[in-house]
Amino acid sequence: MKLTSYDIIIRPVITEKSMSLMGERKYTFIVHKDVNKIQIRNAVEEIFGVQVDKVFTMNYLGKKKRVRFHQGKKSDYKKAIVQLKVDSKAIEFFNSMQ
């Protein structure tokens, strides 16, 4: 299965912690759970036109949920924190959030 860059990056993570990491040039995204760090790096560089220094990834298991007698589970997901190089420009999408 061939994934495009827009299939790899699902959505940005907008939380207090991710906003504080932006001062260190680190940006947080939810990514497709079957991709590796190299694919994430290439996707971010292609979509936003920046230079990536490092990529950190974390896999999360979905929590179990229960509503009355019905049990279920939230979906699993993968989160990536992308650190940009010092001489790279910032990602413009996040600048409007601050």
PDB file of N, CA and C in Angstrom:
ATOM      1  N   MET A   1       0.839  -1.169   0.000  1.00  0.00           N
ATOM      2  CA  MET A   1       0.000   0.000   0.000  1.00  0.00           C
ATOM      3  C   MET A   1       0.890   1.240   0.000  1.00  0.00           C
ATOM      4  N   LYS A   2       0.752   2.069  -1.010  1.00  0.00           N
ATOM      5  CA  LYS A   2       1.538   3.285  -1.150  1.00  0.00           C
ATOM      6  C   LYS A   2       0.786   4.448  -0.513  1.00  0.00           C
ATOM      7  N   LEU A   3       1.399   5.059   0.492  1.00  0.00           N
ATOM      8  CA  LEU A   3       0.795   6.191   1.185  1.00  0.00           C
ATOM      9  C   LEU A   3       1.402   7.490   0.679  1.00  0.00           C
ATOM     10  N   THR A   4       0.571   8.495   0.472  1.00  0.00           N
ATOM     11  CA  THR A   4       1.074   9.814   0.121  1.00  0.00           C
ATOM     12  C   THR A   4       1.429  10.562   1.404  1.00  0.00           C
ATOM     13  N   SER A   5       2.056  11.702   1.260  1.00  0.00           N
ATOM     14  CA  SER A   5       2.435  12.505   2.430  1.00  0.00           C
ATOM     15  C   SER A   5       1.217  12.945   3.224  1.00  0.00           C
ATOM     16  N   TYR A   6       0.120  13.200   2.526  1.00  0.00           N
ATOM     17  CA  TYR A   6      -1.094  13.643   3.204  1.00  0.00           C
ATOM     18  C   TYR A   6      -1.804  12.480   3.897  1.00  0.00           C
ATOM     19  N   ASP A   7      -1.513  11.237   3.498  1.00  0.00           N
ATOM     20  CA  ASP A   7      -2.041  10.079   4.211  1.00  0.00           C
ATOM     21  C   ASP A   7      -1.230   9.789   5.464  1.00  0.00           C
ATOM     22  N   ILE A   8       0.055  10.122   5.444  1.00  0.00           N
ATOM     23  CA  ILE A   8       0.943   9.852   6.577  1.00  0.00           C
ATOM     24  C   ILE A   8       0.640  10.791   7.737  1.00  0.00           C
ATOM     25  N   ILE A   9       0.559  12.091   7.480  1.00  0.00           N
ATOM     26  CA  ILE A   9       0.256  13.077   8.519  1.00  0.00           C
ATOM     27  C   ILE A   9      -1.265  13.185   8.622  1.00  0.00           C
ATOM     28  N   ILE A  10      -1.846  12.687   9.703  1.00  0.00           N
ATOM     29  CA  ILE A  10      -3.299  12.699   9.855  1.00  0.00           C
ATOM     30  C   ILE A  10      -3.788  14.052  10.356  1.00  0.00           C
ATOM     31  N   ARG A  11      -3.216  14.530  11.470  1.00  0.00           N
ATOM     32  CA  ARG A  11      -3.624  15.827  12.011  1.00  0.00           C
ATOM     33  C   ARG A  11      -2.582  16.307  13.008  1.00  0.00           C
ATOM     34  N   PRO A  12      -2.529  17.628  13.251  1.00  0.00           N
ATOM     35  CA  PRO A  12      -1.637  18.143  14.286  1.00  0.00           C
ATOM     36  C   PRO A  12      -2.262  17.965  15.666  1.00  0.00           C
ATOM     37  N   VAL A  13      -1.415  17.964  16.676  1.00  0.00           N
ATOM     38  CA  VAL A  13      -1.878  17.876  18.060  1.00  0.00           C
ATOM     39  C   VAL A  13      -1.775  19.272  18.662  1.00  0.00           C
ATOM     40  N   ILE A  14      -2.910  19.791  19.124  1.00  0.00           N
ATOM     41  CA  ILE A  14      -2.961  21.135  19.686  1.00  0.00           C
ATOM     42  C   ILE A  14      -3.287  21.006  21.175  1.00  0.00           C
ATOM     43  N   THR A  15      -2.258  20.950  22.010  1.00  0.00           N
ATOM     44  CA  THR A  15      -2.436  20.892  23.456  1.00  0.00           C
ATOM     45  C   THR A  15      -1.495  21.907  24.093  1.00  0.00           C
ATOM     46  N   GLU A  16      -1.635  22.073  25.395  1.00  0.00           N
ATOM     47  CA  GLU A  16      -0.755  23.003  26.106  1.00  0.00           C
ATOM     48  C   GLU A  16       0.699  22.558  26.010  1.00  0.00           C
ATOM     49  N   LYS A  17       0.931  21.274  26.180  1.00  0.00           N
ATOM     50  CA  LYS A  17       2.291  20.761  26.144  1.00  0.00           C
ATOM     51  C   LYS A  17       2.895  20.896  24.742  1.00  0.00           C
ATOM     52  N   SER A  18       2.111  20.598  23.713  1.00  0.00           N
ATOM     53  CA  SER A  18       2.651  20.712  22.355  1.00  0.00           C
ATOM     54  C   SER A  18       2.931  22.173  21.997  1.00  0.00           C
ATOM     55  N   MET A  19       2.124  23.095  22.519  1.00  0.00           N
ATOM     56  CA  MET A  19       2.374  24.514  22.273  1.00  0.00           C
ATOM     57  C   MET A  19       3.647  24.981  22.979  1.00  0.00           C
ATOM     58  N   SER A  20       3.932  24.442  24.166  1.00  0.00           N
ATOM     59  CA  SER A  20       5.155  24.840  24.864  1.00  0.00           C
ATOM     60  C   SER A  20       6.387  24.254  24.164  1.00  0.00           C
ATOM     61  N   LEU A  21       6.243  23.110  23.509  1.00  0.00           N
ATOM     62  CA  LEU A  21       7.365  22.517  22.770  1.00  0.00           C
ATOM     63  C   LEU A  21       7.708  23.296  21.506  1.00  0.00           C
ATOM     64  N   MET A  22       6.769  24.104  21.021  1.00  0.00           N
ATOM     65  CA  MET A  22       7.040  24.869  19.799  1.00  0.00           C
ATOM     66  C   MET A  22       8.176  25.863  20.002  1.00  0.00           C
ATOM     67  N   GLY A  23       8.418  26.304  21.229  1.00  0.00           N
ATOM     68  CA  GLY A  23       9.550  27.184  21.500  1.00  0.00           C
ATOM     69  C   GLY A  23      10.885  26.497  21.279  1.00  0.00           C
ATOM     70  N   GLU A  24      10.899  25.167  21.382  1.00  0.00           N
ATOM     71  CA  GLU A  24      12.101  24.375  21.128  1.00  0.00           C
ATOM     72  C   GLU A  24      12.144  23.858  19.685  1.00  0.00           C
ATOM     73  N   ARG A  25      11.259  24.389  18.821  1.00  0.00           N
ATOM     74  CA  ARG A  25      11.157  24.000  17.409  1.00  0.00           C
ATOM     75  C   ARG A  25      10.714  22.545  17.254  1.00  0.00           C
ATOM     76  N   LYS A  26       9.833  22.073  18.163  1.00  0.00           N
ATOM     77  CA  LYS A  26       9.283  20.724  18.094  1.00  0.00           C
ATOM     78  C   LYS A  26       7.784  20.828  17.827  1.00  0.00           C
ATOM     79  N   TYR A  27       7.303  20.065  16.837  1.00  0.00           N
ATOM     80  CA  TYR A  27       5.906  20.085  16.436  1.00  0.00           C
ATOM     81  C   TYR A  27       5.345  18.671  16.542  1.00  0.00           C
ATOM     82  N   THR A  28       4.104  18.543  16.993  1.00  0.00           N
ATOM     83  CA  THR A  28       3.503  17.247  17.291  1.00  0.00           C
ATOM     84  C   THR A  28       2.381  16.940  16.300  1.00  0.00           C
ATOM     85  N   PHE A  29       2.371  15.693  15.793  1.00  0.00           N
ATOM     86  CA  PHE A  29       1.368  15.247  14.834  1.00  0.00           C
ATOM     87  C   PHE A  29       0.875  13.856  15.201  1.00  0.00           C
ATOM     88  N   ILE A  30      -0.379  13.554  14.845  1.00  0.00           N
ATOM     89  CA  ILE A  30      -0.884  12.187  14.836  1.00  0.00           C
ATOM     90  C   ILE A  30      -0.592  11.660  13.434  1.00  0.00           C
ATOM     91  N   VAL A  31       0.053  10.496  13.349  1.00  0.00           N
ATOM     92  CA  VAL A  31       0.460   9.950  12.052  1.00  0.00           C
ATOM     93  C   VAL A  31      -0.132   8.562  11.859  1.00  0.00           C
ATOM     94  N   HIS A  32      -0.057   8.072  10.631  1.00  0.00           N
ATOM     95  CA  HIS A  32      -0.530   6.718  10.303  1.00  0.00           C
ATOM     96  C   HIS A  32       0.294   5.722  11.103  1.00  0.00           C
ATOM     97  N   LYS A  33      -0.345   4.693  11.656  1.00  0.00           N
ATOM     98  CA  LYS A  33       0.357   3.825  12.596  1.00  0.00           C
ATOM     99  C   LYS A  33       1.322   2.839  11.946  1.00  0.00           C
ATOM    100  N   ASP A  34       1.344   2.738  10.619  1.00  0.00           N
ATOM    101  CA  ASP A  34       2.237   1.792   9.947  1.00  0.00           C
ATOM    102  C   ASP A  34       3.466   2.444   9.324  1.00  0.00           C
ATOM    103  N   VAL A  35       3.710   3.730   9.565  1.00  0.00           N
ATOM    104  CA  VAL A  35       4.842   4.411   8.935  1.00  0.00           C
ATOM    105  C   VAL A  35       6.029   4.477   9.892  1.00  0.00           C
ATOM    106  N   ASN A  36       7.215   4.695   9.313  1.00  0.00           N
ATOM    107  CA  ASN A  36       8.424   4.795  10.127  1.00  0.00           C
ATOM    108  C   ASN A  36       8.911   6.248  10.163  1.00  0.00           C
ATOM    109  N   LYS A  37      10.013   6.481  10.864  1.00  0.00           N
ATOM    110  CA  LYS A  37      10.512   7.835  11.068  1.00  0.00           C
ATOM    111  C   LYS A  37      10.962   8.495   9.763  1.00  0.00           C
ATOM    112  N   ILE A  38      11.524   7.723   8.865  1.00  0.00           N
ATOM    113  CA  ILE A  38      12.000   8.275   7.588  1.00  0.00           C
ATOM    114  C   ILE A  38      10.815   8.764   6.761  1.00  0.00           C
ATOM    115  N   GLN A  39       9.734   7.998   6.729  1.00  0.00           N
ATOM    116  CA  GLN A  39       8.549   8.410   5.981  1.00  0.00           C
ATOM    117  C   GLN A  39       7.916   9.650   6.602  1.00  0.00           C
ATOM    118  N   ILE A  40       7.922   9.741   7.931  1.00  0.00           N
ATOM    119  CA  ILE A  40       7.376  10.927   8.605  1.00  0.00           C
ATOM    120  C   ILE A  40       8.220  12.145   8.272  1.00  0.00           C
ATOM    121  N   ARG A  41       9.537  11.993   8.307  1.00  0.00           N
ATOM    122  CA  ARG A  41      10.449  13.095   7.968  1.00  0.00           C
ATOM    123  C   ARG A  41      10.198  13.597   6.554  1.00  0.00           C
ATOM    124  N   ASN A  42      10.110  12.690   5.599  1.00  0.00           N
ATOM    125  CA  ASN A  42       9.895  13.079   4.206  1.00  0.00           C
ATOM    126  C   ASN A  42       8.539  13.751   4.012  1.00  0.00           C
ATOM    127  N   ALA A  43       7.515  13.267   4.703  1.00  0.00           N
ATOM    128  CA  ALA A  43       6.182  13.844   4.569  1.00  0.00           C
ATOM    129  C   ALA A  43       6.131  15.271   5.113  1.00  0.00           C
ATOM    130  N   VAL A  44       6.726  15.507   6.275  1.00  0.00           N
ATOM    131  CA  VAL A  44       6.721  16.853   6.869  1.00  0.00           C
ATOM    132  C   VAL A  44       7.529  17.815   5.998  1.00  0.00           C
ATOM    133  N   GLU A  45       8.670  17.360   5.494  1.00  0.00           N
ATOM    134  CA  GLU A  45       9.483  18.220   4.634  1.00  0.00           C
ATOM    135  C   GLU A  45       8.749  18.567   3.346  1.00  0.00           C
ATOM    136  N   GLU A  46       7.998  17.616   2.794  1.00  0.00           N
ATOM    137  CA  GLU A  46       7.284  17.861   1.545  1.00  0.00           C
ATOM    138  C   GLU A  46       6.071  18.762   1.750  1.00  0.00           C
ATOM    139  N   ILE A  47       5.298  18.526   2.792  1.00  0.00           N
ATOM    140  CA  ILE A  47       4.064  19.286   3.005  1.00  0.00           C
ATOM    141  C   ILE A  47       4.354  20.717   3.440  1.00  0.00           C
ATOM    142  N   PHE A  48       5.247  20.905   4.408  1.00  0.00           N
ATOM    143  CA  PHE A  48       5.455  22.220   5.010  1.00  0.00           C
ATOM    144  C   PHE A  48       6.689  22.948   4.491  1.00  0.00           C
ATOM    145  N   GLY A  49       7.549  22.289   3.723  1.00  0.00           N
ATOM    146  CA  GLY A  49       8.727  22.949   3.163  1.00  0.00           C
ATOM    147  C   GLY A  49       9.754  23.343   4.206  1.00  0.00           C
ATOM    148  N   VAL A  50      10.010  22.490   5.188  1.00  0.00           N
ATOM    149  CA  VAL A  50      10.971  22.755   6.256  1.00  0.00           C
ATOM    150  C   VAL A  50      12.048  21.670   6.244  1.00  0.00           C
ATOM    151  N   GLN A  51      13.079  21.855   7.077  1.00  0.00           N
ATOM    152  CA  GLN A  51      14.139  20.862   7.210  1.00  0.00           C
ATOM    153  C   GLN A  51      14.026  20.221   8.586  1.00  0.00           C
ATOM    154  N   VAL A  52      13.869  18.889   8.605  1.00  0.00           N
ATOM    155  CA  VAL A  52      13.664  18.150   9.846  1.00  0.00           C
ATOM    156  C   VAL A  52      15.001  17.652  10.376  1.00  0.00           C
ATOM    157  N   ASP A  53      15.226  17.829  11.678  1.00  0.00           N
ATOM    158  CA  ASP A  53      16.444  17.356  12.324  1.00  0.00           C
ATOM    159  C   ASP A  53      16.238  15.970  12.912  1.00  0.00           C
ATOM    160  N   LYS A  54      15.214  15.799  13.773  1.00  0.00           N
ATOM    161  CA  LYS A  54      14.945  14.525  14.438  1.00  0.00           C
ATOM    162  C   LYS A  54      13.450  14.245  14.443  1.00  0.00           C
ATOM    163  N   VAL A  55      13.113  12.952  14.561  1.00  0.00           N
ATOM    164  CA  VAL A  55      11.721  12.527  14.685  1.00  0.00           C
ATOM    165  C   VAL A  55      11.619  11.557  15.856  1.00  0.00           C
ATOM    166  N   PHE A  56      10.703  11.845  16.766  1.00  0.00           N
ATOM    167  CA  PHE A  56      10.442  10.970  17.904  1.00  0.00           C
ATOM    168  C   PHE A  56       9.028  10.404  17.733  1.00  0.00           C
ATOM    169  N   THR A  57       8.862   9.092  17.915  1.00  0.00           N
ATOM    170  CA  THR A  57       7.541   8.479  17.746  1.00  0.00           C
ATOM    171  C   THR A  57       7.123   7.735  19.001  1.00  0.00           C
ATOM    172  N   MET A  58       5.797   7.685  19.219  1.00  0.00           N
ATOM    173  CA  MET A  58       5.212   6.963  20.337  1.00  0.00           C
ATOM    174  C   MET A  58       3.958   6.250  19.860  1.00  0.00           C
ATOM    175  N   ASN A  59       3.791   4.995  20.249  1.00  0.00           N
ATOM    176  CA  ASN A  59       2.582   4.241  19.947  1.00  0.00           C
ATOM    177  C   ASN A  59       1.687   4.227  21.177  1.00  0.00           C
ATOM    178  N   TYR A  60       0.401   4.508  20.975  1.00  0.00           N
ATOM    179  CA  TYR A  60      -0.568   4.528  22.059  1.00  0.00           C
ATOM    180  C   TYR A  60      -1.638   3.483  21.809  1.00  0.00           C
ATOM    181  N   LEU A  61      -1.982   2.726  22.849  1.00  0.00           N
ATOM    182  CA  LEU A  61      -3.082   1.775  22.776  1.00  0.00           C
ATOM    183  C   LEU A  61      -4.363   2.486  23.206  1.00  0.00           C
ATOM    184  N   GLY A  62      -5.452   2.195  22.509  1.00  0.00           N
ATOM    185  CA  GLY A  62      -6.731   2.820  22.822  1.00  0.00           C
ATOM    186  C   GLY A  62      -7.256   2.367  24.169  1.00  0.00           C
ATOM    187  N   LYS A  63      -7.919   3.272  24.878  1.00  0.00           N
ATOM    188  CA  LYS A  63      -8.468   2.957  26.191  1.00  0.00           C
ATOM    189  C   LYS A  63      -9.761   2.161  26.052  1.00  0.00           C
ATOM    190  N   LYS A  64     -10.037   1.325  27.043  1.00  0.00           N
ATOM    191  CA  LYS A  64     -11.295   0.592  27.080  1.00  0.00           C
ATOM    192  C   LYS A  64     -12.376   1.514  27.631  1.00  0.00           C
ATOM    193  N   LYS A  65     -13.531   1.488  27.016  1.00  0.00           N
ATOM    194  CA  LYS A  65     -14.647   2.327  27.423  1.00  0.00           C
ATOM    195  C   LYS A  65     -15.874   1.459  27.624  1.00  0.00           C
ATOM    196  N   ARG A  66     -16.741   1.887  28.549  1.00  0.00           N
ATOM    197  CA  ARG A  66     -17.975   1.150  28.807  1.00  0.00           C
ATOM    198  C   ARG A  66     -19.102   2.155  28.981  1.00  0.00           C
ATOM    199  N   VAL A  67     -20.194   1.918  28.269  1.00  0.00           N
ATOM    200  CA  VAL A  67     -21.402   2.713  28.420  1.00  0.00           C
ATOM    201  C   VAL A  67     -22.511   1.741  28.785  1.00  0.00           C
ATOM    202  N   ARG A  68     -22.948   1.805  30.015  1.00  0.00           N
ATOM    203  CA  ARG A  68     -23.932   0.869  30.576  1.00  0.00           C
ATOM    204  C   ARG A  68     -23.446  -0.565  30.395  1.00  0.00           C
ATOM    205  N   PHE A  69     -24.095  -1.333  29.529  1.00  0.00           N
ATOM    206  CA  PHE A  69     -23.749  -2.747  29.388  1.00  0.00           C
ATOM    207  C   PHE A  69     -22.868  -3.021  28.176  1.00  0.00           C
ATOM    208  N   HIS A  70     -22.593  -2.017  27.356  1.00  0.00           N
ATOM    209  CA  HIS A  70     -21.820  -2.192  26.136  1.00  0.00           C
ATOM    210  C   HIS A  70     -20.372  -1.788  26.374  1.00  0.00           C
ATOM    211  N   GLN A  71     -19.472  -2.687  26.020  1.00  0.00           N
ATOM    212  CA  GLN A  71     -18.054  -2.394  26.169  1.00  0.00           C
ATOM    213  C   GLN A  71     -17.447  -2.152  24.801  1.00  0.00           C
ATOM    214  N   GLY A  72     -16.438  -1.302  24.762  1.00  0.00           N
ATOM    215  CA  GLY A  72     -15.759  -0.998  23.518  1.00  0.00           C
ATOM    216  C   GLY A  72     -14.349  -0.523  23.796  1.00  0.00           C
ATOM    217  N   LYS A  73     -13.689  -0.076  22.742  1.00  0.00           N
ATOM    218  CA  LYS A  73     -12.307   0.368  22.872  1.00  0.00           C
ATOM    219  C   LYS A  73     -12.074   1.489  21.885  1.00  0.00           C
ATOM    220  N   LYS A  74     -11.380   2.534  22.333  1.00  0.00           N
ATOM    221  CA  LYS A  74     -10.981   3.594  21.414  1.00  0.00           C
ATOM    222  C   LYS A  74      -9.873   3.057  20.513  1.00  0.00           C
ATOM    223  N   SER A  75      -9.689   3.676  19.369  1.00  0.00           N
ATOM    224  CA  SER A  75      -8.711   3.165  18.415  1.00  0.00           C
ATOM    225  C   SER A  75      -7.280   3.486  18.855  1.00  0.00           C
ATOM    226  N   ASP A  76      -6.338   2.640  18.445  1.00  0.00           N
ATOM    227  CA  ASP A  76      -4.923   2.860  18.696  1.00  0.00           C
ATOM    228  C   ASP A  76      -4.424   3.954  17.754  1.00  0.00           C
ATOM    229  N   TYR A  77      -3.362   4.657  18.158  1.00  0.00           N
ATOM    230  CA  TYR A  77      -2.814   5.686  17.286  1.00  0.00           C
ATOM    231  C   TYR A  77      -1.319   5.847  17.539  1.00  0.00           C
ATOM    232  N   LYS A  78      -0.668   6.552  16.635  1.00  0.00           N
ATOM    233  CA  LYS A  78       0.764   6.815  16.727  1.00  0.00           C
ATOM    234  C   LYS A  78       0.971   8.326  16.700  1.00  0.00           C
ATOM    235  N   LYS A  79       1.821   8.815  17.602  1.00  0.00           N
ATOM    236  CA  LYS A  79       2.118  10.241  17.691  1.00  0.00           C
ATOM    237  C   LYS A  79       3.573  10.466  17.343  1.00  0.00           C
ATOM    238  N   ALA A  80       3.855  11.537  16.606  1.00  0.00           N
ATOM    239  CA  ALA A  80       5.228  11.868  16.229  1.00  0.00           C
ATOM    240  C   ALA A  80       5.535  13.299  16.636  1.00  0.00           C
ATOM    241  N   ILE A  81       6.694  13.497  17.250  1.00  0.00           N
ATOM    242  CA  ILE A  81       7.198  14.834  17.558  1.00  0.00           C
ATOM    243  C   ILE A  81       8.364  15.083  16.619  1.00  0.00           C
ATOM    244  N   VAL A  82       8.249  16.144  15.820  1.00  0.00           N
ATOM    245  CA  VAL A  82       9.232  16.455  14.791  1.00  0.00           C
ATOM    246  C   VAL A  82      10.016  17.675  15.237  1.00  0.00           C
ATOM    247  N   GLN A  83      11.338  17.543  15.310  1.00  0.00           N
ATOM    248  CA  GLN A  83      12.202  18.665  15.678  1.00  0.00           C
ATOM    249  C   GLN A  83      12.844  19.206  14.412  1.00  0.00           C
ATOM    250  N   LEU A  84      12.737  20.519  14.212  1.00  0.00           N
ATOM    251  CA  LEU A  84      13.283  21.157  13.024  1.00  0.00           C
ATOM    252  C   LEU A  84      14.724  21.579  13.256  1.00  0.00           C
ATOM    253  N   LYS A  85      15.466  21.723  12.156  1.00  0.00           N
ATOM    254  CA  LYS A  85      16.837  22.221  12.242  1.00  0.00           C
ATOM    255  C   LYS A  85      16.827  23.685  12.643  1.00  0.00           C
ATOM    256  N   VAL A  86      17.947  24.156  13.164  1.00  0.00           N
ATOM    257  CA  VAL A  86      18.044  25.535  13.674  1.00  0.00           C
ATOM    258  C   VAL A  86      17.860  26.549  12.551  1.00  0.00           C
ATOM    259  N   ASP A  87      18.410  26.270  11.370  1.00  0.00           N
ATOM    260  CA  ASP A  87      18.324  27.226  10.260  1.00  0.00           C
ATOM    261  C   ASP A  87      17.059  27.071   9.426  1.00  0.00           C
ATOM    262  N   SER A  88      16.164  26.167   9.803  1.00  0.00           N
ATOM    263  CA  SER A  88      14.922  25.957   9.061  1.00  0.00           C
ATOM    264  C   SER A  88      13.869  26.969   9.499  1.00  0.00           C
ATOM    265  N   LYS A  89      12.947  27.280   8.589  1.00  0.00           N
ATOM    266  CA  LYS A  89      11.853  28.189   8.943  1.00  0.00           C
ATOM    267  C   LYS A  89      10.825  27.438   9.781  1.00  0.00           C
ATOM    268  N   ALA A  90       9.993  28.165  10.498  1.00  0.00           N
ATOM    269  CA  ALA A  90       8.962  27.549  11.329  1.00  0.00           C
ATOM    270  C   ALA A  90       7.784  27.107  10.465  1.00  0.00           C
ATOM    271  N   ILE A  91       6.975  26.203  10.987  1.00  0.00           N
ATOM    272  CA  ILE A  91       5.782  25.758  10.276  1.00  0.00           C
ATOM    273  C   ILE A  91       4.711  26.816  10.449  1.00  0.00           C
ATOM    274  N   GLU A  92       4.228  27.360   9.357  1.00  0.00           N
ATOM    275  CA  GLU A  92       3.320  28.512   9.385  1.00  0.00           C
ATOM    276  C   GLU A  92       1.966  28.164   9.986  1.00  0.00           C
ATOM    277  N   PHE A  93       1.526  26.921   9.842  1.00  0.00           N
ATOM    278  CA  PHE A  93       0.228  26.512  10.366  1.00  0.00           C
ATOM    279  C   PHE A  93       0.158  26.723  11.880  1.00  0.00           C
ATOM    280  N   PHE A  94       1.230  26.423  12.587  1.00  0.00           N
ATOM    281  CA  PHE A  94       1.237  26.537  14.036  1.00  0.00           C
ATOM    282  C   PHE A  94       1.442  27.972  14.506  1.00  0.00           C
ATOM    283  N   ASN A  95       2.012  28.833  13.683  1.00  0.00           N
ATOM    284  CA  ASN A  95       2.248  30.214  14.100  1.00  0.00           C
ATOM    285  C   ASN A  95       0.950  30.950  14.369  1.00  0.00           C
ATOM    286  N   SER A  96      -0.114  30.630  13.633  1.00  0.00           N
ATOM    287  CA  SER A  96      -1.392  31.303  13.848  1.00  0.00           C
ATOM    288  C   SER A  96      -2.074  30.832  15.123  1.00  0.00           C
ATOM    289  N   MET A  97      -1.627  29.716  15.700  1.00  0.00           N
ATOM    290  CA  MET A  97      -2.230  29.167  16.906  1.00  0.00           C
ATOM    291  C   MET A  97      -1.727  29.860  18.173  1.00  0.00           C
ATOM    292  N   GLN A  98      -0.542  30.439  18.141  1.00  0.00           N
ATOM    293  CA  GLN A  98       0.055  30.986  19.353  1.00  0.00           C
ATOM    294  C   GLN A  98      -0.614  32.246  19.809  1.00  0.00           C
TER     295      GLN A  98
END
